[in-house]
Protein backbone atom coordinates (compact mmCIF):
# COMPACT_ATOMS: atom_id res chain seq x y z
CA UNK A 1 98.76 76.68 76.73
CA UNK A 2 96.88 75.23 79.54
CA UNK A 3 99.55 76.21 81.95
CA UNK A 4 99.37 79.83 80.78
CA UNK A 5 95.55 79.77 81.31
CA UNK A 6 95.68 78.34 84.69
CA UNK A 7 98.37 80.70 85.75
CA UNK A 8 96.41 83.86 84.47
CA UNK A 9 93.27 82.53 86.27
CA UNK A 10 95.13 82.26 89.58
CA UNK A 11 97.10 85.43 89.46
CA UNK A 12 94.82 88.09 87.96
CA UNK A 13 92.05 88.05 90.61
CA UNK A 14 94.79 87.82 93.39
CA UNK A 15 96.54 90.81 92.24
CA UNK A 16 93.24 92.75 92.04
CA UNK A 17 92.57 91.76 95.49
CA UNK A 18 95.90 93.09 96.93
CA UNK A 19 94.42 96.64 96.57
CA UNK A 20 91.35 96.02 98.73
CA UNK A 21 92.17 93.94 101.73
CA UNK A 22 94.60 94.69 104.46
CA UNK A 23 94.99 93.13 108.00
CA UNK A 24 97.18 93.57 111.11
CA UNK A 25 97.61 91.15 114.13
CA UNK A 26 98.14 92.51 117.55
CA UNK A 27 99.19 90.68 120.69
CA UNK A 28 98.49 91.45 124.27
CA UNK A 29 100.23 92.41 127.41
CA UNK A 30 98.91 91.51 130.84
CA UNK A 31 98.07 94.46 133.27
CA UNK A 32 97.13 92.55 136.40
CA UNK A 33 99.17 90.16 138.65
CA UNK A 34 96.67 87.66 140.16
CA UNK A 35 99.13 84.73 140.16
CA UNK A 36 97.70 82.82 137.19
CA UNK A 37 99.67 81.06 134.49
CA UNK A 38 100.80 83.37 131.78
CA UNK A 39 98.56 83.40 128.56
CA UNK A 40 99.37 86.69 127.00
CA UNK A 41 101.18 85.05 124.00
CA UNK A 42 98.17 82.86 123.12
CA UNK A 43 95.72 85.92 122.80
CA UNK A 44 95.29 87.75 119.38
CA UNK A 45 93.21 90.21 117.51
CA UNK A 46 93.24 90.44 113.69
CA UNK A 47 92.30 93.95 112.72
CA UNK A 48 90.96 93.80 109.08
CA UNK A 49 89.65 96.27 106.59
CA UNK A 50 85.98 95.44 105.80
CA UNK A 51 84.74 97.49 103.15
CA UNK A 52 84.75 101.17 104.52
CA UNK A 53 84.73 99.71 108.17
CA UNK A 54 87.03 97.69 110.51
CA UNK A 55 86.56 94.12 111.55
CA UNK A 56 88.17 92.84 115.00
CA UNK A 57 88.52 89.22 115.37
CA UNK A 58 89.66 87.79 118.69
CA UNK A 59 91.28 84.34 119.10
CA UNK A 60 92.88 82.21 121.80
CA UNK A 61 95.15 79.39 120.96
CA UNK A 62 94.34 77.89 124.40
CA UNK A 63 97.66 76.27 124.92
CA UNK A 64 96.92 77.01 128.57
CA UNK A 65 93.21 76.66 129.32
CA UNK A 66 91.64 80.08 129.51
CA UNK A 67 88.52 81.93 128.21
CA UNK A 68 88.24 85.42 126.77
CA UNK A 69 85.02 86.62 128.39
CA UNK A 70 84.89 90.38 128.03
CA UNK A 71 86.34 92.65 125.41
CA UNK A 72 86.77 96.47 125.65
CA UNK A 73 87.49 99.22 123.17
CA UNK A 74 88.88 102.61 124.32
CA UNK A 75 88.79 104.81 121.31
CA UNK A 76 87.56 108.16 122.92
CA UNK A 77 90.78 109.87 122.08
CA UNK A 78 90.16 109.24 118.44
CA UNK A 79 86.39 109.50 117.77
CA UNK A 80 87.06 107.39 114.62
CA UNK A 81 84.02 105.15 115.23
CA UNK A 82 80.38 105.84 115.30
CA UNK A 83 79.95 102.38 116.97
CA UNK A 84 81.84 99.15 117.76
CA UNK A 85 79.42 96.20 117.90
CA UNK A 86 79.31 92.39 118.04
CA UNK A 87 75.44 92.37 117.61
CA UNK A 88 75.69 94.06 114.18
CA UNK A 89 77.55 91.00 112.67
CA UNK A 90 74.64 88.61 113.67
CA UNK A 91 75.91 85.04 113.45
CA UNK A 92 79.09 86.18 111.83
CA UNK A 93 79.96 87.66 115.20
CA UNK A 94 81.18 84.41 116.71
CA UNK A 95 81.98 80.86 115.91
CA UNK A 96 80.31 77.80 117.27
CA UNK A 97 80.85 77.46 120.97
CA UNK A 98 80.98 81.13 121.52
CA UNK A 99 78.08 83.38 122.58
CA UNK A 100 78.84 87.06 122.77
CA UNK A 101 76.54 90.35 123.04
CA UNK A 102 77.28 94.01 123.28
CA UNK A 103 77.69 95.65 126.79
CA UNK A 104 80.07 94.04 129.12
CA UNK A 105 79.65 93.59 132.78
CA UNK A 106 81.65 95.13 134.36
CA UNK A 107 81.52 98.11 131.82
CA UNK A 108 85.19 98.81 132.00
CA UNK A 109 88.15 96.73 131.73
CA UNK A 110 89.13 95.23 135.26
CA UNK A 111 92.07 97.29 136.46
CA UNK A 112 91.84 99.70 133.45
CA UNK A 113 91.82 102.62 135.75
CA UNK A 114 95.45 101.96 136.57
CA UNK A 115 96.48 102.65 132.99
CA UNK A 116 93.78 105.35 132.08
CA UNK A 117 91.61 102.87 130.30
CA UNK A 118 87.97 103.91 129.70
CA UNK A 119 85.83 101.69 127.50
CA UNK A 120 83.72 103.31 124.78
CA UNK A 121 82.32 100.00 123.57
CA UNK A 122 82.42 96.56 124.91
CA UNK A 123 80.89 92.93 124.82
CA UNK A 124 80.92 89.88 126.91
CA UNK A 125 79.99 86.15 126.84
CA UNK A 126 76.55 85.07 127.92
CA UNK A 127 76.11 82.81 130.94
CA UNK A 128 77.73 80.37 131.51
CA UNK A 129 80.47 82.90 130.79
CA UNK A 130 83.57 80.62 130.70
CA UNK A 131 81.79 78.09 128.50
CA UNK A 132 80.54 80.71 126.05
CA UNK A 133 83.74 82.71 125.90
CA UNK A 134 86.69 82.24 123.39
CA UNK A 135 88.23 79.11 125.09
CA UNK A 136 89.61 76.99 122.16
CA UNK A 137 91.80 77.54 119.19
CA UNK A 138 88.98 76.93 116.79
CA UNK A 139 86.78 79.68 118.33
CA UNK A 140 86.64 83.55 117.80
CA UNK A 141 84.59 86.53 118.66
CA UNK A 142 84.25 89.49 116.27
CA UNK A 143 83.24 93.19 116.53
CA UNK A 144 82.65 95.56 113.64
CA UNK A 145 83.92 99.06 113.87
CA UNK A 146 81.74 101.42 111.93
CA UNK A 147 84.02 104.38 110.84
CA UNK A 148 83.01 107.98 110.52
CA UNK A 149 82.72 109.38 107.00
CA UNK A 150 86.16 111.30 107.27
CA UNK A 151 88.10 108.29 108.82
CA UNK A 152 90.00 105.24 107.31
CA UNK A 153 91.43 101.90 108.14
CA UNK A 154 95.05 103.43 108.17
CA UNK A 155 93.71 106.07 110.77
CA UNK A 156 92.72 103.08 113.07
CA UNK A 157 96.10 101.40 112.57
CA UNK A 158 98.01 104.54 113.43
CA UNK A 159 95.94 105.04 116.50
CA UNK A 160 96.56 101.44 117.69
CA UNK A 161 100.32 101.67 116.94
CA UNK A 162 100.53 104.99 118.98
CA UNK A 163 98.24 103.88 121.94
CA UNK A 164 95.64 106.55 121.15
CA UNK A 165 93.13 103.65 120.58
CA UNK A 166 93.42 100.59 122.94
CA UNK A 167 91.70 97.14 123.11
CA UNK A 168 91.33 95.37 126.41
CA UNK A 169 90.53 91.64 127.32
CA UNK A 170 89.25 90.09 130.61
CA UNK A 171 90.37 86.44 130.51
CA UNK A 172 88.97 84.05 133.07
CA UNK A 173 89.37 80.36 133.86
CA UNK A 174 93.08 80.47 133.55
CA UNK A 175 95.05 77.22 134.00
CA UNK A 176 95.03 75.19 137.20
CA UNK A 177 94.26 78.17 139.44
CA UNK A 178 91.23 79.07 137.25
CA UNK A 179 91.57 82.84 138.12
CA UNK A 180 91.30 85.87 135.77
CA UNK A 181 93.65 88.53 134.53
CA UNK A 182 93.29 91.77 132.34
CA UNK A 183 95.20 92.55 129.13
CA UNK A 184 95.66 95.35 126.74
CA UNK A 185 96.98 95.18 123.04
CA UNK A 186 100.72 95.81 122.34
CA UNK A 187 101.00 98.93 120.26
CA UNK A 188 103.37 99.07 117.27
CA UNK A 189 105.17 95.69 117.36
CA UNK A 190 106.63 94.37 114.05
CA UNK A 191 103.91 91.97 113.30
CA UNK A 192 101.48 94.93 112.90
CA UNK A 193 102.70 96.17 109.36
CA UNK A 194 99.63 96.41 107.16
CA UNK A 195 99.94 93.57 104.52
CA UNK A 196 97.57 92.91 101.59
CA UNK A 197 95.27 90.21 102.75
CA UNK A 198 95.63 88.43 99.38
CA UNK A 199 99.52 87.99 99.61
CA UNK A 200 99.17 84.73 101.46
CA UNK A 201 96.65 83.61 98.99
CA UNK A 202 99.01 84.44 96.03
CA UNK A 203 101.88 82.47 97.62
CA UNK A 204 99.57 79.53 98.11
CA UNK A 205 98.25 79.81 94.51
CA UNK A 206 101.90 79.87 93.23
CA UNK A 207 102.89 76.84 95.24
CA UNK A 208 99.71 74.99 93.98
CA UNK A 209 100.60 76.02 90.44
CA UNK A 210 104.10 74.76 90.93
CA UNK A 211 102.77 71.40 92.11
CA UNK A 212 100.41 71.24 89.06
CA UNK A 213 103.20 72.18 86.78
CA UNK A 214 105.48 69.29 88.10
CA UNK A 215 103.02 66.55 88.07
CA UNK A 216 103.67 63.49 85.76
CA UNK A 217 100.84 62.79 83.42
């Protein structure tokens, strides 16, 4: 009886959650060649449904020393957003050790003109920029995209996957050379299939329940 109660209490809310939370993860490709160590594989953005809006969370595994100091959004070809802002999130806009604000300097992704990238929204780290950027695996910076009334999360994912909407990063203090490079998101790779955000929780719950079920009393 107790087992059934525990199982029901774990599974029911998770099944409900699968209809409301979706997330995709995107990698990045380097677009400049300044001779620095390759860090593209350690840069990620999680794109998550946040109510009627979209949350962008940027991380850096920092296997090679580096700092995400500027973030750019080129969505002019879609007009899906009324704004994309770090400031609107307040304290939730960054982790400890990161200090971001809206409006990056420079206003467009370095070398972005070579790929037709034109930023519609941006943000950067406050001075000292390298120290306040995303430079450790425990850190993140986040931006909230406010969708227009007729647009949806699936529209945003489709635009990212087709390259109609692009995200750019300026990364500084890379490796021993300490230089900088620019990056754009990879469109449409296999890791970007929308997945209910609660699925991993569901799996964890089942594993936890199995452990509970097998314990000797």
